[in-house]
């Protein structure tokens, strides 16, 4: 088992929203956020390879009538039990490796490509180094080509896919950014400065444990 540090970008959160996530709920999957009556007994039927592939490649697709959530008029993403996070990616192109930094991916998601304000959560998940879709405690290393060998169009996003909920105790801090200002900074070659940094006093630092893997 490895503790994998990741970033999660979420747009349009108020400071109150961020504090509530850090101190209370943690980061919830859309399945839990949009379906308050969801039962624990339903977890097994949600954590499937089919649902994971739809989360990764058909997020905005309309649910078929055979899906039990279709009557809600939702897309795959809106009822997904999975949570996308990023740990960066490397792609090989002829004689060189192309690095897709974690922060850039996270801030693009947080600000909807620099069009709005957004928040980046610094957190971690647990991975096994192999596919473990039915096991809700462990995230999927989708970016790892030795594990997920099928082609995925968004490999450059460096996806590590969490399940159901990232506990608040795993969130180190949150940074709130103004999208337009962040874009201006990046265009000048400087790292954006967050408008607000919110630390989690209850953060359980994984450095106390073994097998820590950082993002790049």
N, C-alpha and C. Protein backbone atom coordinates (compact mmCIF):
# COMPACT_ATOMS: atom_id res chain seq x y z
N UNK A 1 0.85 -1.20 0.00
CA UNK A 1 0.00 0.00 0.00
C UNK A 1 0.88 1.24 0.00
N UNK A 2 0.47 2.25 -0.74
CA UNK A 2 1.21 3.50 -0.85
C UNK A 2 0.27 4.67 -0.59
N UNK A 3 0.76 5.65 0.17
CA UNK A 3 0.04 6.91 0.33
C UNK A 3 0.45 7.83 -0.83
N UNK A 4 -0.49 8.12 -1.70
CA UNK A 4 -0.21 8.93 -2.88
C UNK A 4 -0.75 10.34 -2.70
N UNK A 5 0.13 11.33 -2.71
CA UNK A 5 -0.31 12.71 -2.62
C UNK A 5 -0.91 13.16 -3.95
N UNK A 6 -2.01 13.87 -3.88
CA UNK A 6 -2.73 14.31 -5.07
C UNK A 6 -3.29 15.71 -4.85
N UNK A 7 -3.72 16.33 -5.93
CA UNK A 7 -4.44 17.60 -5.87
C UNK A 7 -5.82 17.40 -6.47
N UNK A 8 -6.78 18.15 -5.94
CA UNK A 8 -8.15 18.12 -6.45
C UNK A 8 -8.64 19.54 -6.67
N UNK A 9 -8.96 19.88 -7.92
CA UNK A 9 -9.46 21.21 -8.21
C UNK A 9 -10.98 21.21 -8.34
N UNK A 10 -11.63 22.13 -7.65
CA UNK A 10 -13.09 22.26 -7.69
C UNK A 10 -13.45 23.73 -7.92
N UNK A 11 -14.28 24.03 -8.92
CA UNK A 11 -14.63 25.43 -9.21
C UNK A 11 -15.76 25.95 -8.34
N UNK A 12 -15.81 27.28 -8.26
CA UNK A 12 -16.96 28.01 -7.71
C UNK A 12 -17.33 27.63 -6.27
N UNK A 13 -16.33 27.40 -5.44
CA UNK A 13 -16.59 27.17 -4.02
C UNK A 13 -16.38 28.46 -3.24
N UNK A 14 -17.28 28.75 -2.33
CA UNK A 14 -17.08 29.88 -1.44
C UNK A 14 -16.12 29.46 -0.32
N UNK A 15 -15.62 30.45 0.40
CA UNK A 15 -14.76 30.14 1.54
C UNK A 15 -15.50 29.30 2.58
N UNK A 16 -16.78 29.56 2.73
CA UNK A 16 -17.61 28.77 3.64
C UNK A 16 -17.69 27.32 3.18
N UNK A 17 -17.87 27.12 1.87
CA UNK A 17 -17.91 25.77 1.31
C UNK A 17 -16.61 25.02 1.60
N UNK A 18 -15.50 25.69 1.38
CA UNK A 18 -14.19 25.07 1.57
C UNK A 18 -13.99 24.67 3.02
N UNK A 19 -14.33 25.57 3.92
CA UNK A 19 -14.19 25.25 5.35
C UNK A 19 -15.06 24.07 5.75
N UNK A 20 -16.24 23.97 5.16
CA UNK A 20 -17.14 22.87 5.49
C UNK A 20 -16.57 21.54 5.00
N UNK A 21 -15.97 21.56 3.82
CA UNK A 21 -15.35 20.34 3.29
C UNK A 21 -14.18 19.91 4.18
N UNK A 22 -13.36 20.88 4.57
CA UNK A 22 -12.18 20.56 5.37
C UNK A 22 -12.55 20.09 6.77
N UNK A 23 -13.53 20.71 7.37
CA UNK A 23 -13.85 20.41 8.77
C UNK A 23 -14.95 19.38 8.94
N UNK A 24 -15.66 19.06 7.86
CA UNK A 24 -16.84 18.22 8.04
C UNK A 24 -16.89 17.05 7.06
N UNK A 25 -17.31 17.29 5.84
CA UNK A 25 -17.66 16.20 4.94
C UNK A 25 -16.48 15.53 4.26
N UNK A 26 -15.36 16.25 4.08
CA UNK A 26 -14.35 15.79 3.15
C UNK A 26 -14.83 16.04 1.74
N UNK A 27 -14.12 15.51 0.75
CA UNK A 27 -14.49 15.67 -0.65
C UNK A 27 -15.37 14.51 -1.05
N UNK A 28 -16.62 14.80 -1.38
CA UNK A 28 -17.60 13.76 -1.70
C UNK A 28 -17.68 13.52 -3.20
N UNK A 29 -17.93 12.28 -3.58
CA UNK A 29 -18.25 11.97 -4.96
C UNK A 29 -19.61 12.57 -5.30
N UNK A 30 -19.87 12.76 -6.58
CA UNK A 30 -21.18 13.28 -6.99
C UNK A 30 -22.31 12.34 -6.62
N UNK A 31 -22.02 11.05 -6.57
CA UNK A 31 -23.04 10.09 -6.16
C UNK A 31 -23.54 10.40 -4.76
N UNK A 32 -22.63 10.69 -3.84
CA UNK A 32 -23.03 11.00 -2.47
C UNK A 32 -23.62 12.39 -2.36
N UNK A 33 -23.08 13.35 -3.11
CA UNK A 33 -23.57 14.73 -3.02
C UNK A 33 -24.99 14.86 -3.59
N UNK A 34 -25.25 14.16 -4.67
CA UNK A 34 -26.53 14.32 -5.38
C UNK A 34 -27.60 13.33 -4.96
N UNK A 35 -27.23 12.35 -4.15
CA UNK A 35 -28.20 11.33 -3.74
C UNK A 35 -28.11 11.10 -2.23
N UNK A 36 -28.70 11.99 -1.44
CA UNK A 36 -28.60 11.88 0.03
C UNK A 36 -29.19 10.60 0.59
N UNK A 37 -30.01 9.92 -0.18
CA UNK A 37 -30.62 8.67 0.30
C UNK A 37 -29.82 7.43 -0.10
N UNK A 38 -28.62 7.66 -0.62
CA UNK A 38 -27.79 6.53 -1.03
C UNK A 38 -27.48 5.63 0.17
N UNK A 39 -27.61 4.33 -0.04
CA UNK A 39 -27.41 3.35 1.03
C UNK A 39 -26.06 2.65 0.89
N UNK A 40 -25.43 2.34 2.00
CA UNK A 40 -24.15 1.65 1.98
C UNK A 40 -24.25 0.30 1.27
N UNK A 41 -25.41 -0.29 1.32
CA UNK A 41 -25.61 -1.59 0.66
C UNK A 41 -25.50 -1.49 -0.86
N UNK A 42 -25.55 -0.26 -1.40
CA UNK A 42 -25.50 -0.06 -2.84
C UNK A 42 -24.07 0.11 -3.36
N UNK A 43 -23.10 0.21 -2.47
CA UNK A 43 -21.72 0.50 -2.88
C UNK A 43 -21.21 -0.55 -3.85
N UNK A 44 -21.45 -1.82 -3.55
CA UNK A 44 -20.91 -2.90 -4.37
C UNK A 44 -21.32 -2.78 -5.83
N UNK A 45 -22.56 -2.43 -6.08
CA UNK A 45 -23.03 -2.35 -7.47
C UNK A 45 -22.58 -1.08 -8.17
N UNK A 46 -22.04 -0.12 -7.44
CA UNK A 46 -21.58 1.12 -8.05
C UNK A 46 -20.10 1.08 -8.41
N UNK A 47 -19.30 0.37 -7.62
CA UNK A 47 -17.86 0.32 -7.86
C UNK A 47 -17.56 -0.79 -8.87
N UNK A 48 -17.77 -0.47 -10.14
CA UNK A 48 -17.58 -1.43 -11.22
C UNK A 48 -16.66 -0.85 -12.28
N UNK A 49 -16.08 -1.73 -13.09
CA UNK A 49 -15.21 -1.28 -14.17
C UNK A 49 -15.99 -0.42 -15.17
N UNK A 50 -17.22 -0.81 -15.46
CA UNK A 50 -18.05 -0.04 -16.40
C UNK A 50 -18.26 1.39 -15.92
N UNK A 51 -18.60 1.55 -14.64
CA UNK A 51 -18.81 2.89 -14.10
C UNK A 51 -17.52 3.70 -14.10
N UNK A 52 -16.39 3.04 -13.85
CA UNK A 52 -15.11 3.74 -13.86
C UNK A 52 -14.80 4.24 -15.27
N UNK A 53 -14.98 3.39 -16.27
CA UNK A 53 -14.69 3.79 -17.65
C UNK A 53 -15.60 4.94 -18.08
N UNK A 54 -16.87 4.89 -17.70
CA UNK A 54 -17.78 6.00 -18.03
C UNK A 54 -17.39 7.28 -17.32
N UNK A 55 -16.90 7.16 -16.09
CA UNK A 55 -16.42 8.33 -15.36
C UNK A 55 -15.24 8.96 -16.09
N UNK A 56 -14.36 8.13 -16.62
CA UNK A 56 -13.14 8.62 -17.26
C UNK A 56 -13.37 9.13 -18.68
N UNK A 57 -14.25 8.47 -19.42
CA UNK A 57 -14.36 8.75 -20.86
C UNK A 57 -15.73 9.23 -21.32
N UNK A 58 -16.74 9.15 -20.45
CA UNK A 58 -18.09 9.52 -20.86
C UNK A 58 -18.79 10.32 -19.76
N UNK A 59 -18.02 11.17 -19.12
CA UNK A 59 -18.47 11.89 -17.92
C UNK A 59 -19.75 12.69 -18.15
N UNK A 60 -19.84 13.32 -19.30
CA UNK A 60 -20.99 14.18 -19.60
C UNK A 60 -22.07 13.46 -20.41
N UNK A 61 -21.90 12.16 -20.59
CA UNK A 61 -22.87 11.40 -21.35
C UNK A 61 -24.17 11.15 -20.60
N UNK A 62 -25.26 11.07 -21.33
CA UNK A 62 -26.58 10.84 -20.73
C UNK A 62 -26.72 9.39 -20.30
N UNK A 63 -27.28 9.18 -19.14
CA UNK A 63 -27.48 7.82 -18.65
C UNK A 63 -28.52 7.08 -19.50
N UNK A 64 -28.26 5.82 -19.82
CA UNK A 64 -29.26 5.03 -20.55
C UNK A 64 -30.44 4.69 -19.65
N UNK A 65 -31.56 4.37 -20.24
CA UNK A 65 -32.77 4.07 -19.46
C UNK A 65 -32.59 2.87 -18.54
N UNK A 66 -31.64 2.00 -18.88
CA UNK A 66 -31.39 0.82 -18.05
C UNK A 66 -30.68 1.15 -16.74
N UNK A 67 -30.09 2.34 -16.67
CA UNK A 67 -29.40 2.76 -15.45
C UNK A 67 -30.42 3.19 -14.41
N UNK A 68 -30.23 2.74 -13.18
CA UNK A 68 -31.24 3.02 -12.14
C UNK A 68 -31.33 4.50 -11.78
N UNK A 69 -30.29 5.28 -12.13
CA UNK A 69 -30.33 6.71 -11.82
C UNK A 69 -30.87 7.54 -12.98
N UNK A 70 -31.24 6.91 -14.09
CA UNK A 70 -31.64 7.66 -15.29
C UNK A 70 -32.88 8.52 -15.06
N UNK A 71 -33.75 8.08 -14.18
CA UNK A 71 -34.99 8.84 -13.92
C UNK A 71 -34.70 10.20 -13.30
N UNK A 72 -33.48 10.39 -12.79
CA UNK A 72 -33.12 11.67 -12.19
C UNK A 72 -32.70 12.69 -13.24
N UNK A 73 -32.56 12.23 -14.50
CA UNK A 73 -32.14 13.13 -15.56
C UNK A 73 -30.70 13.57 -15.45
N UNK A 74 -29.85 12.70 -14.92
CA UNK A 74 -28.45 13.04 -14.68
C UNK A 74 -27.54 12.44 -15.74
N UNK A 75 -26.31 12.93 -15.79
CA UNK A 75 -25.27 12.34 -16.63
C UNK A 75 -24.50 11.31 -15.81
N UNK A 76 -23.61 10.57 -16.47
CA UNK A 76 -22.76 9.62 -15.75
C UNK A 76 -21.98 10.33 -14.64
N UNK A 77 -21.43 11.48 -14.98
CA UNK A 77 -20.61 12.20 -14.01
C UNK A 77 -21.38 12.65 -12.79
N UNK A 78 -22.63 13.02 -12.98
CA UNK A 78 -23.41 13.56 -11.88
C UNK A 78 -23.82 12.50 -10.86
N UNK A 79 -23.71 11.24 -11.22
CA UNK A 79 -24.03 10.17 -10.26
C UNK A 79 -22.83 9.22 -10.10
N UNK A 80 -21.65 9.71 -10.43
CA UNK A 80 -20.46 8.86 -10.36
C UNK A 80 -20.03 8.63 -8.92
N UNK A 81 -19.66 7.39 -8.57
CA UNK A 81 -19.13 7.12 -7.23
C UNK A 81 -17.64 7.46 -7.14
N UNK A 82 -17.06 7.89 -8.27
CA UNK A 82 -15.62 8.13 -8.33
C UNK A 82 -15.30 9.62 -8.24
N UNK A 83 -14.07 9.90 -7.79
CA UNK A 83 -13.60 11.28 -7.63
C UNK A 83 -12.28 11.41 -8.38
N UNK A 84 -12.22 12.30 -9.34
CA UNK A 84 -10.99 12.52 -10.09
C UNK A 84 -10.04 13.41 -9.31
N UNK A 85 -8.80 12.96 -9.17
CA UNK A 85 -7.73 13.79 -8.62
C UNK A 85 -6.55 13.68 -9.58
N UNK A 86 -5.53 14.50 -9.37
CA UNK A 86 -4.37 14.44 -10.25
C UNK A 86 -3.08 14.35 -9.46
N UNK A 87 -2.14 13.58 -10.01
CA UNK A 87 -0.80 13.49 -9.45
C UNK A 87 0.24 13.75 -10.54
N UNK A 88 -0.19 14.35 -11.65
CA UNK A 88 0.71 14.64 -12.75
C UNK A 88 0.90 13.45 -13.66
N UNK A 89 1.43 13.70 -14.85
CA UNK A 89 1.62 12.63 -15.83
C UNK A 89 2.87 12.88 -16.65
N UNK A 90 3.38 11.80 -17.20
CA UNK A 90 4.49 11.87 -18.15
C UNK A 90 4.09 11.11 -19.40
N UNK A 91 4.28 11.73 -20.56
CA UNK A 91 4.03 11.05 -21.82
C UNK A 91 5.30 11.08 -22.66
N UNK A 92 5.58 9.97 -23.34
CA UNK A 92 6.78 9.87 -24.16
C UNK A 92 6.45 10.25 -25.60
N UNK A 93 7.28 11.13 -26.17
CA UNK A 93 7.08 11.58 -27.54
C UNK A 93 8.42 11.47 -28.27
N UNK A 94 8.56 10.40 -29.06
CA UNK A 94 9.81 10.14 -29.78
C UNK A 94 11.00 10.08 -28.81
N UNK A 95 11.84 11.11 -28.81
CA UNK A 95 13.08 11.05 -28.02
C UNK A 95 13.01 11.81 -26.71
N UNK A 96 11.82 12.26 -26.31
CA UNK A 96 11.75 13.03 -25.08
C UNK A 96 10.48 12.69 -24.30
N UNK A 97 10.51 12.98 -23.03
CA UNK A 97 9.35 12.83 -22.16
C UNK A 97 8.69 14.19 -21.96
N UNK A 98 7.37 14.21 -22.05
CA UNK A 98 6.61 15.45 -21.83
C UNK A 98 5.94 15.35 -20.47
N UNK A 99 6.24 16.31 -19.61
CA UNK A 99 5.70 16.31 -18.25
C UNK A 99 4.47 17.23 -18.18
N UNK A 100 3.41 16.72 -17.60
CA UNK A 100 2.20 17.50 -17.35
C UNK A 100 2.10 17.72 -15.84
N UNK A 101 2.51 18.90 -15.35
CA UNK A 101 2.59 19.13 -13.91
C UNK A 101 1.24 19.04 -13.21
N UNK A 102 1.28 18.54 -11.99
CA UNK A 102 0.07 18.36 -11.19
C UNK A 102 -0.67 19.67 -10.98
N UNK A 103 0.06 20.71 -10.61
CA UNK A 103 -0.58 21.99 -10.28
C UNK A 103 -1.33 22.57 -11.47
N UNK A 104 -0.74 22.50 -12.67
CA UNK A 104 -1.39 23.08 -13.85
C UNK A 104 -2.70 22.37 -14.14
N UNK A 105 -2.69 21.04 -14.07
CA UNK A 105 -3.94 20.30 -14.28
C UNK A 105 -4.98 20.68 -13.25
N UNK A 106 -4.57 20.75 -11.98
CA UNK A 106 -5.51 21.05 -10.90
C UNK A 106 -6.11 22.45 -11.03
N UNK A 107 -5.29 23.43 -11.37
CA UNK A 107 -5.82 24.79 -11.44
C UNK A 107 -6.71 24.98 -12.67
N UNK A 108 -6.45 24.23 -13.73
CA UNK A 108 -7.34 24.30 -14.89
C UNK A 108 -8.74 23.79 -14.53
N UNK A 109 -8.77 22.69 -13.77
CA UNK A 109 -10.07 22.17 -13.35
C UNK A 109 -10.72 23.10 -12.33
N UNK A 110 -9.93 23.64 -11.41
CA UNK A 110 -10.49 24.49 -10.36
C UNK A 110 -11.12 25.76 -10.92
N UNK A 111 -10.53 26.31 -11.97
CA UNK A 111 -10.99 27.60 -12.50
C UNK A 111 -11.71 27.47 -13.84
N UNK A 112 -12.03 26.23 -14.23
CA UNK A 112 -12.66 26.00 -15.55
C UNK A 112 -11.86 26.69 -16.64
N UNK A 113 -10.57 26.34 -16.70
CA UNK A 113 -9.65 26.93 -17.67
C UNK A 113 -9.54 28.44 -17.49
N UNK A 114 -9.42 28.85 -16.22
CA UNK A 114 -9.12 30.22 -15.84
C UNK A 114 -10.28 31.19 -16.09
N UNK A 115 -11.50 30.67 -16.12
CA UNK A 115 -12.67 31.51 -16.36
C UNK A 115 -13.40 31.91 -15.09
N UNK A 116 -13.09 31.25 -13.98
CA UNK A 116 -13.83 31.52 -12.75
C UNK A 116 -12.90 31.35 -11.55
N UNK A 117 -13.41 31.56 -10.38
CA UNK A 117 -12.61 31.29 -9.18
C UNK A 117 -12.70 29.81 -8.86
N UNK A 118 -11.72 29.31 -8.14
CA UNK A 118 -11.74 27.88 -7.82
C UNK A 118 -10.78 27.54 -6.70
N UNK A 119 -10.90 26.32 -6.22
CA UNK A 119 -10.12 25.88 -5.07
C UNK A 119 -9.33 24.63 -5.41
N UNK A 120 -8.10 24.57 -4.95
CA UNK A 120 -7.28 23.37 -5.06
C UNK A 120 -7.08 22.79 -3.67
N UNK A 121 -7.47 21.53 -3.52
CA UNK A 121 -7.28 20.82 -2.26
C UNK A 121 -6.00 19.98 -2.36
N UNK A 122 -5.15 20.10 -1.35
CA UNK A 122 -3.95 19.29 -1.24
C UNK A 122 -4.27 18.13 -0.29
N UNK A 123 -4.23 16.94 -0.84
CA UNK A 123 -4.69 15.80 -0.05
C UNK A 123 -3.90 14.55 -0.43
N UNK A 124 -4.31 13.41 0.06
CA UNK A 124 -3.68 12.15 -0.33
C UNK A 124 -4.70 11.03 -0.31
N UNK A 125 -4.38 9.99 -1.07
CA UNK A 125 -5.22 8.80 -1.13
C UNK A 125 -4.31 7.58 -0.96
N UNK A 126 -4.93 6.42 -0.86
CA UNK A 126 -4.17 5.18 -0.73
C UNK A 126 -4.33 4.35 -2.00
N UNK A 127 -3.22 3.83 -2.51
CA UNK A 127 -3.24 2.99 -3.70
C UNK A 127 -2.51 1.69 -3.42
N UNK A 128 -2.81 0.70 -4.24
CA UNK A 128 -2.25 -0.64 -4.03
C UNK A 128 -1.18 -1.03 -5.05
N UNK A 129 -1.05 -0.26 -6.13
CA UNK A 129 -0.11 -0.65 -7.16
C UNK A 129 -0.68 -1.67 -8.12
N UNK A 130 -1.97 -1.90 -8.04
CA UNK A 130 -2.68 -2.77 -8.97
C UNK A 130 -4.15 -2.37 -8.98
N UNK A 131 -4.89 -2.87 -9.96
CA UNK A 131 -6.31 -2.54 -10.06
C UNK A 131 -7.07 -3.08 -8.85
N UNK A 132 -7.94 -2.25 -8.28
CA UNK A 132 -8.67 -2.64 -7.07
C UNK A 132 -10.05 -2.00 -7.05
N UNK A 133 -10.75 -2.03 -8.17
CA UNK A 133 -12.01 -1.30 -8.34
C UNK A 133 -13.06 -1.61 -7.27
N UNK A 134 -13.26 -2.85 -6.85
CA UNK A 134 -14.31 -3.12 -5.85
C UNK A 134 -13.95 -2.66 -4.43
N UNK A 135 -12.69 -2.32 -4.20
CA UNK A 135 -12.24 -1.99 -2.84
C UNK A 135 -12.35 -0.49 -2.62
N UNK A 136 -13.35 -0.07 -1.87
CA UNK A 136 -13.64 1.35 -1.74
C UNK A 136 -12.56 2.14 -1.02
N UNK A 137 -11.72 1.47 -0.24
CA UNK A 137 -10.69 2.18 0.53
C UNK A 137 -9.50 2.60 -0.33
N UNK A 138 -9.38 2.02 -1.52
CA UNK A 138 -8.19 2.27 -2.33
C UNK A 138 -8.55 2.94 -3.65
N UNK A 139 -7.71 3.89 -4.05
CA UNK A 139 -7.93 4.62 -5.29
C UNK A 139 -7.27 3.90 -6.46
N UNK A 140 -7.70 4.27 -7.67
CA UNK A 140 -7.20 3.63 -8.88
C UNK A 140 -6.14 4.51 -9.55
N UNK A 141 -4.98 3.91 -9.84
CA UNK A 141 -3.90 4.64 -10.50
C UNK A 141 -4.10 4.62 -12.02
N UNK A 142 -5.09 5.37 -12.44
CA UNK A 142 -5.47 5.36 -13.85
C UNK A 142 -4.33 5.83 -14.75
N UNK A 143 -3.49 6.71 -14.27
CA UNK A 143 -2.37 7.22 -15.08
C UNK A 143 -1.30 6.17 -15.33
N UNK A 144 -1.30 5.09 -14.54
CA UNK A 144 -0.25 4.08 -14.62
C UNK A 144 -0.54 3.09 -15.75
N UNK A 145 0.24 3.18 -16.82
CA UNK A 145 -0.01 2.37 -18.01
C UNK A 145 0.27 0.89 -17.80
N UNK A 146 1.03 0.56 -16.79
CA UNK A 146 1.28 -0.85 -16.50
C UNK A 146 0.08 -1.49 -15.79
N UNK A 147 -0.84 -0.65 -15.30
CA UNK A 147 -2.04 -1.15 -14.63
C UNK A 147 -3.25 -1.01 -15.56
N UNK A 148 -3.47 0.19 -16.07
CA UNK A 148 -4.59 0.46 -16.98
C UNK A 148 -4.03 0.58 -18.39
N UNK A 149 -4.07 -0.51 -19.12
CA UNK A 149 -3.40 -0.61 -20.42
C UNK A 149 -4.25 -0.08 -21.58
N UNK A 150 -5.57 0.00 -21.41
CA UNK A 150 -6.42 0.49 -22.49
C UNK A 150 -6.20 1.99 -22.70
N UNK A 151 -6.39 2.43 -23.93
CA UNK A 151 -6.20 3.84 -24.25
C UNK A 151 -7.24 4.70 -23.54
N UNK A 152 -6.77 5.77 -22.92
CA UNK A 152 -7.65 6.76 -22.31
C UNK A 152 -7.29 8.14 -22.89
N UNK A 153 -8.28 8.86 -23.42
CA UNK A 153 -7.99 10.12 -24.12
C UNK A 153 -7.43 11.23 -23.23
N UNK A 154 -7.60 11.10 -21.91
CA UNK A 154 -7.17 12.18 -21.02
C UNK A 154 -6.02 11.75 -20.11
N UNK A 155 -5.16 10.89 -20.62
CA UNK A 155 -4.06 10.38 -19.81
C UNK A 155 -3.19 11.52 -19.26
N UNK A 156 -3.05 12.59 -20.03
CA UNK A 156 -2.19 13.70 -19.62
C UNK A 156 -2.66 14.38 -18.34
N UNK A 157 -3.89 14.09 -17.91
CA UNK A 157 -4.41 14.69 -16.68
C UNK A 157 -3.85 14.02 -15.42
N UNK A 158 -3.14 12.92 -15.59
CA UNK A 158 -2.47 12.29 -14.45
C UNK A 158 -3.44 11.79 -13.40
N UNK A 159 -4.50 11.16 -13.85
CA UNK A 159 -5.60 10.81 -12.95
C UNK A 159 -5.27 9.72 -11.94
N UNK A 160 -5.60 10.00 -10.69
CA UNK A 160 -5.73 9.00 -9.63
C UNK A 160 -7.19 9.08 -9.19
N UNK A 161 -7.94 8.01 -9.34
CA UNK A 161 -9.38 8.05 -9.12
C UNK A 161 -9.74 7.52 -7.75
N UNK A 162 -10.22 8.42 -6.89
CA UNK A 162 -10.68 8.03 -5.56
C UNK A 162 -12.12 7.52 -5.64
N UNK A 163 -12.60 6.98 -4.52
CA UNK A 163 -13.94 6.38 -4.52
C UNK A 163 -14.78 6.93 -3.36
N UNK A 164 -15.97 7.36 -3.71
CA UNK A 164 -17.01 7.77 -2.75
C UNK A 164 -16.65 9.02 -1.96
N UNK A 165 -15.54 9.00 -1.22
CA UNK A 165 -15.25 10.14 -0.34
C UNK A 165 -13.77 10.18 0.01
N UNK A 166 -13.19 11.37 -0.05
CA UNK A 166 -11.85 11.60 0.49
C UNK A 166 -12.03 12.23 1.86
N UNK A 167 -11.65 11.56 2.93
CA UNK A 167 -11.93 12.07 4.28
C UNK A 167 -11.30 13.43 4.55
N UNK A 168 -11.96 14.24 5.33
CA UNK A 168 -11.44 15.57 5.65
C UNK A 168 -10.07 15.49 6.33
N UNK A 169 -9.84 14.45 7.10
CA UNK A 169 -8.58 14.32 7.83
C UNK A 169 -7.40 14.13 6.88
N UNK A 170 -7.68 13.76 5.63
CA UNK A 170 -6.62 13.57 4.64
C UNK A 170 -6.29 14.86 3.88
N UNK A 171 -7.04 15.92 4.11
CA UNK A 171 -6.83 17.18 3.40
C UNK A 171 -5.87 18.07 4.20
N UNK A 172 -4.74 18.36 3.62
CA UNK A 172 -3.75 19.20 4.30
C UNK A 172 -4.15 20.67 4.31
N UNK A 173 -4.55 21.15 3.13
CA UNK A 173 -4.92 22.56 3.00
C UNK A 173 -5.71 22.76 1.72
N UNK A 174 -6.26 23.95 1.60
CA UNK A 174 -6.96 24.34 0.38
C UNK A 174 -6.49 25.73 -0.03
N UNK A 175 -6.34 25.94 -1.33
CA UNK A 175 -5.94 27.24 -1.86
C UNK A 175 -7.01 27.73 -2.83
N UNK A 176 -7.47 28.95 -2.63
CA UNK A 176 -8.49 29.54 -3.48
C UNK A 176 -7.83 30.51 -4.46
N UNK A 177 -8.17 30.38 -5.74
CA UNK A 177 -7.55 31.18 -6.79
C UNK A 177 -8.58 31.95 -7.60
N UNK A 178 -8.15 33.11 -8.08
CA UNK A 178 -8.90 33.85 -9.08
C UNK A 178 -8.38 33.41 -10.45
N UNK A 179 -9.26 32.87 -11.28
CA UNK A 179 -8.84 32.28 -12.54
C UNK A 179 -8.10 33.24 -13.46
N UNK A 180 -8.62 34.46 -13.63
CA UNK A 180 -8.00 35.42 -14.55
C UNK A 180 -6.62 35.83 -14.06
N UNK A 181 -6.50 36.07 -12.75
CA UNK A 181 -5.20 36.46 -12.19
C UNK A 181 -4.20 35.31 -12.28
N UNK A 182 -4.68 34.10 -12.08
CA UNK A 182 -3.80 32.94 -12.18
C UNK A 182 -3.27 32.80 -13.60
N UNK A 183 -4.13 33.02 -14.58
CA UNK A 183 -3.72 32.92 -15.98
C UNK A 183 -2.66 33.97 -16.31
N UNK A 184 -2.85 35.18 -15.80
CA UNK A 184 -1.88 36.25 -16.05
C UNK A 184 -0.52 35.90 -15.47
N UNK A 185 -0.52 35.33 -14.27
CA UNK A 185 0.75 34.94 -13.64
C UNK A 185 1.45 33.85 -14.45
N UNK A 186 0.73 32.85 -14.87
CA UNK A 186 1.32 31.76 -15.63
C UNK A 186 1.86 32.25 -16.97
N UNK A 187 1.17 33.22 -17.59
CA UNK A 187 1.65 33.79 -18.84
C UNK A 187 2.98 34.53 -18.66
N UNK A 188 3.20 35.03 -17.44
CA UNK A 188 4.44 35.74 -17.14
C UNK A 188 5.53 34.78 -16.64
N UNK A 189 5.17 33.50 -16.53
CA UNK A 189 6.15 32.51 -16.08
C UNK A 189 6.29 32.43 -14.57
N UNK A 190 5.31 32.96 -13.84
CA UNK A 190 5.36 32.90 -12.38
C UNK A 190 4.19 32.06 -11.85
N UNK A 191 4.40 31.47 -10.69
CA UNK A 191 3.34 30.66 -10.10
C UNK A 191 2.27 31.56 -9.49
N UNK A 192 1.01 31.28 -9.75
CA UNK A 192 -0.08 32.10 -9.19
C UNK A 192 -0.06 32.11 -7.66
N UNK A 193 -0.46 33.23 -7.11
CA UNK A 193 -0.55 33.37 -5.66
C UNK A 193 -2.01 33.20 -5.25
N UNK A 194 -2.30 32.27 -4.35
CA UNK A 194 -3.71 32.07 -3.95
C UNK A 194 -4.28 33.29 -3.24
N UNK A 195 -5.56 33.54 -3.47
CA UNK A 195 -6.24 34.63 -2.78
C UNK A 195 -6.44 34.29 -1.31
N UNK A 196 -6.51 32.98 -1.03
CA UNK A 196 -6.73 32.53 0.34
C UNK A 196 -6.17 31.13 0.51
N UNK A 197 -5.51 30.90 1.64
CA UNK A 197 -5.03 29.57 2.00
C UNK A 197 -5.72 29.15 3.29
N UNK A 198 -6.33 27.98 3.27
CA UNK A 198 -7.04 27.49 4.45
C UNK A 198 -6.37 26.18 4.89
N UNK A 199 -5.78 26.18 6.07
CA UNK A 199 -5.11 25.01 6.60
C UNK A 199 -6.08 24.15 7.39
N UNK A 200 -5.81 22.87 7.41
CA UNK A 200 -6.65 21.93 8.17
C UNK A 200 -5.94 21.56 9.47
N UNK A 201 -6.42 22.05 10.61
CA UNK A 201 -5.75 21.75 11.89
C UNK A 201 -5.84 20.27 12.27
N UNK A 202 -6.74 19.53 11.66
CA UNK A 202 -6.92 18.11 11.99
C UNK A 202 -6.26 17.18 10.98
N UNK A 203 -5.42 17.74 10.12
CA UNK A 203 -4.76 16.95 9.07
C UNK A 203 -3.92 15.83 9.67
N UNK A 204 -4.14 14.62 9.18
CA UNK A 204 -3.35 13.46 9.61
C UNK A 204 -2.20 13.29 8.61
N UNK A 205 -1.03 13.76 8.96
CA UNK A 205 0.10 13.79 8.04
C UNK A 205 0.60 12.37 7.73
N UNK A 206 0.60 11.98 6.45
CA UNK A 206 1.04 10.63 6.11
C UNK A 206 2.54 10.43 6.27
N UNK A 207 3.29 11.53 6.48
CA UNK A 207 4.73 11.40 6.68
C UNK A 207 5.06 10.59 7.93
N UNK A 208 4.08 10.41 8.80
CA UNK A 208 4.28 9.60 10.00
C UNK A 208 4.33 8.11 9.65
N UNK A 209 3.93 7.80 8.42
CA UNK A 209 3.83 6.41 8.01
C UNK A 209 4.85 6.13 6.91
N UNK A 210 4.87 4.92 6.42
CA UNK A 210 5.85 4.56 5.39
C UNK A 210 5.23 4.61 4.00
N UNK A 211 6.07 4.38 2.99
CA UNK A 211 5.63 4.29 1.59
C UNK A 211 4.94 5.56 1.10
N UNK A 212 5.56 6.71 1.33
CA UNK A 212 5.01 7.97 0.85
C UNK A 212 5.52 8.22 -0.56
N UNK A 213 4.62 8.54 -1.48
CA UNK A 213 5.01 8.88 -2.84
C UNK A 213 4.47 10.26 -3.15
N UNK A 214 5.34 11.17 -3.51
CA UNK A 214 4.92 12.53 -3.80
C UNK A 214 4.50 12.64 -5.27
N UNK A 215 3.76 13.70 -5.60
CA UNK A 215 3.49 14.01 -6.99
C UNK A 215 4.67 14.81 -7.52
N UNK A 216 4.67 15.07 -8.80
CA UNK A 216 5.79 15.83 -9.37
C UNK A 216 5.28 17.05 -10.10
